[in-house]
Amino acid sequence: MWIDSGIRVDGQGEGREQVNALADAFVDTLARGAAMASGALVRLGGSPDGPPQWVLSPLG
């Protein structure tokens, strides 16, 4: 799976840290969704002014 977060890696490593944090949050969100009996939808969301974040929506 390829996820384009729109975050670009700079020479200082800040972008890489943001990408790693987003990937870690994705795995955590998937684990929470898998534990839900009804299933869940995971999508990339967030506010236009803030950083991207994973949103978990229960199904059913």
C-alpha atoms as a PDB file:
ATOM      1  CA  MET A   1       0.000   0.000   0.000  1.00  0.00           C
ATOM      2  CA  TRP A   2       1.287   3.459  -0.842  1.00  0.00           C
ATOM      3  CA  ILE A   3       0.091   6.481   1.099  1.00  0.00           C
ATOM      4  CA  ASP A   4       0.914   9.972  -0.132  1.00  0.00           C
ATOM      5  CA  SER A   5       0.589  12.188   2.918  1.00  0.00           C
ATOM      6  CA  GLY A   6       1.703  15.298   1.089  1.00  0.00           C
ATOM      7  CA  ILE A   7       4.559  15.652   3.588  1.00  0.00           C
ATOM      8  CA  ARG A   8       7.888  16.235   1.923  1.00  0.00           C
ATOM      9  CA  VAL A   9      11.166  15.116   3.468  1.00  0.00           C
ATOM     10  CA  ASP A  10      13.572  17.977   4.041  1.00  0.00           C
ATOM     11  CA  GLY A  11      17.302  17.914   4.713  1.00  0.00           C
ATOM     12  CA  GLN A  12      16.776  18.313   8.465  1.00  0.00           C
ATOM     13  CA  GLY A  13      14.705  15.154   8.964  1.00  0.00           C
ATOM     14  CA  GLU A  14      11.564  16.966  10.106  1.00  0.00           C
ATOM     15  CA  GLY A  15       9.480  15.646   7.215  1.00  0.00           C
ATOM     16  CA  ARG A  16      10.690  12.091   7.854  1.00  0.00           C
ATOM     17  CA  GLU A  17       9.586  12.353  11.511  1.00  0.00           C
ATOM     18  CA  GLN A  18       6.131  13.511  10.406  1.00  0.00           C
ATOM     19  CA  VAL A  19       5.836  10.629   7.940  1.00  0.00           C
ATOM     20  CA  ASN A  20       6.941   8.118  10.584  1.00  0.00           C
ATOM     21  CA  ALA A  21       4.419   9.504  13.080  1.00  0.00           C
ATOM     22  CA  LEU A  22       1.648   9.286  10.471  1.00  0.00           C
ATOM     23  CA  ALA A  23       2.596   5.667   9.671  1.00  0.00           C
ATOM     24  CA  ASP A  24       2.630   4.749  13.382  1.00  0.00           C
ATOM     25  CA  ALA A  25      -0.777   6.363  13.852  1.00  0.00           C
ATOM     26  CA  PHE A  26      -2.104   4.387  10.861  1.00  0.00           C
ATOM     27  CA  VAL A  27      -1.066   1.076  12.423  1.00  0.00           C
ATOM     28  CA  ASP A  28      -2.593   2.080  15.773  1.00  0.00           C
ATOM     29  CA  THR A  29      -5.849   3.105  14.074  1.00  0.00           C
ATOM     30  CA  LEU A  30      -5.998  -0.176  12.141  1.00  0.00           C
ATOM     31  CA  ALA A  31      -5.539  -2.133  15.369  1.00  0.00           C
ATOM     32  CA  ARG A  32      -8.370  -0.221  17.051  1.00  0.00           C
ATOM     33  CA  GLY A  33     -10.614  -0.765  14.015  1.00  0.00           C
ATOM     34  CA  ALA A  34      -9.850  -4.487  13.922  1.00  0.00           C
ATOM     35  CA  ALA A  35     -10.958  -4.771  17.545  1.00  0.00           C
ATOM     36  CA  MET A  36     -14.399  -3.355  16.744  1.00  0.00           C
ATOM     37  CA  ALA A  37     -17.080  -6.026  16.338  1.00  0.00           C
ATOM     38  CA  SER A  38     -18.903  -4.133  13.575  1.00  0.00           C
ATOM     39  CA  GLY A  39     -15.759  -3.221  11.632  1.00  0.00           C
ATOM     40  CA  ALA A  40     -14.502   0.245  10.841  1.00  0.00           C
ATOM     41  CA  LEU A  41     -13.589   2.635   8.083  1.00  0.00           C
ATOM     42  CA  VAL A  42     -10.163   4.257   8.330  1.00  0.00           C
ATOM     43  CA  ARG A  43      -9.567   7.431   6.350  1.00  0.00           C
ATOM     44  CA  LEU A  44      -7.025  10.217   6.260  1.00  0.00           C
ATOM     45  CA  GLY A  45      -8.590  13.431   7.428  1.00  0.00           C
ATOM     46  CA  GLY A  46      -7.889  16.475   9.526  1.00  0.00           C
ATOM     47  CA  SER A  47      -8.473  20.173   9.354  1.00  0.00           C
ATOM     48  CA  PRO A  48      -7.020  22.334   6.580  1.00  0.00           C
ATOM     49  CA  ASP A  49      -4.979  24.235   9.177  1.00  0.00           C
ATOM     50  CA  GLY A  50      -3.661  21.192  11.042  1.00  0.00           C
ATOM     51  CA  PRO A  51      -1.610  18.135  10.243  1.00  0.00           C
ATOM     52  CA  PRO A  52      -3.218  15.114   8.559  1.00  0.00           C
ATOM     53  CA  GLN A  53      -4.581  12.498  10.931  1.00  0.00           C
ATOM     54  CA  TRP A  54      -6.328   9.135  10.716  1.00  0.00           C
ATOM     55  CA  VAL A  55     -10.057   9.102  11.412  1.00  0.00           C
ATOM     56  CA  LEU A  56     -11.761   5.897  12.552  1.00  0.00           C
ATOM     57  CA  SER A  57     -15.477   5.550  11.803  1.00  0.00           C
ATOM     58  CA  PRO A  58     -17.369   2.493  13.082  1.00  0.00           C
ATOM     59  CA  LEU A  59     -19.522   0.596  10.600  1.00  0.00           C
ATOM     60  CA  GLY A  60     -23.011  -0.569  11.412  1.00  0.00           C
END
